[in-house]
Amino acid sequence: MRRLFVLLAAGLSITAPLAVSASPAHALDCVAPTVVLTEVGPTSLTVSPSEAEGFGVYVDIRSDGCTVSRVHARLTSPGGSASEFDLEDAGGDGDLSYFAGGLEVDPAALLNTDAGTWSAQIITESDGSPVTTVASLKVLRASTLTLEALPDRVTKGRTLTVGGALARASWQPAAYGGYPQQDVQLQFRPKGGTYKKVTTVVSRSRGVLKTTVAAAKDGCYRLVFGGSATTAKVTSRQECVDVR
């Protein structure tokens, strides 16, 4: 089993090159190594305004008569921010070598335009031709979703006003701000049942949510945001009512 090496680069800084090698071979036999596997994990990061999150990059390489001198990853965000770091030799199995590395994503080094799908190029250098493989991961702005308290008991048929607010992380500045013009589901779970959609509410200015529903039976309500291309999904706490 491969060992996990996570190189915690500061924010989005570039780390110094690190020489690594695979199985020794004769240069005359080398054309190019074969990259058998390229993997990023986790494939999606949710980053708050204050907490850094990390991910790893893993590459399996068959030497094919080559000596691998360096394996490194270049990442580019949708906003154009770039980072590069080296992968370390994590052992191997026969002519197959494992390389692993990683990056700590610091919100203090991010712009909001960096949210979305990041592209990764993994370059394997050797005494033969370099080999480039690609991967991707999502770096998403964290989100919060509140639900206002509902009355514990309510008369059957009474109109309930359900409110809340949707917000998402702003990395610059480090705070949460309202997320308007987003579809949020109001869901209801009858006593002993499962949650199902009641209606869709569109968040207003500052992420405010408000709708009404007729109380028909005992059960619980919650709000659910399914996420967007730049922002993570989130579910509010539930509020339960006793209908009489």
Foldseek 3Di string as FASTA:
>chain_A
DFDAAEDEDDAQEEDDFDWAWADAADLVQDADKDWPDWDKPPQEAEDALFDKDKIKIKIKIQQRRWIWTFKKKWKAFQVGRIHMYTWYFRQADVRITMTMYMYIHGLLNDALSRFFKMKMWIWTDTSHDIDIDIDIGGYAWEKDKEWDAWDQEDEAFDKTKIKIFIWTAGNVPRDIWGDFQAWKFKWKAAVVGDIDTDDIWGQHPRRITIDMDGHHAWTKIWIWGPADRHHHTDIYDIYTYHYD
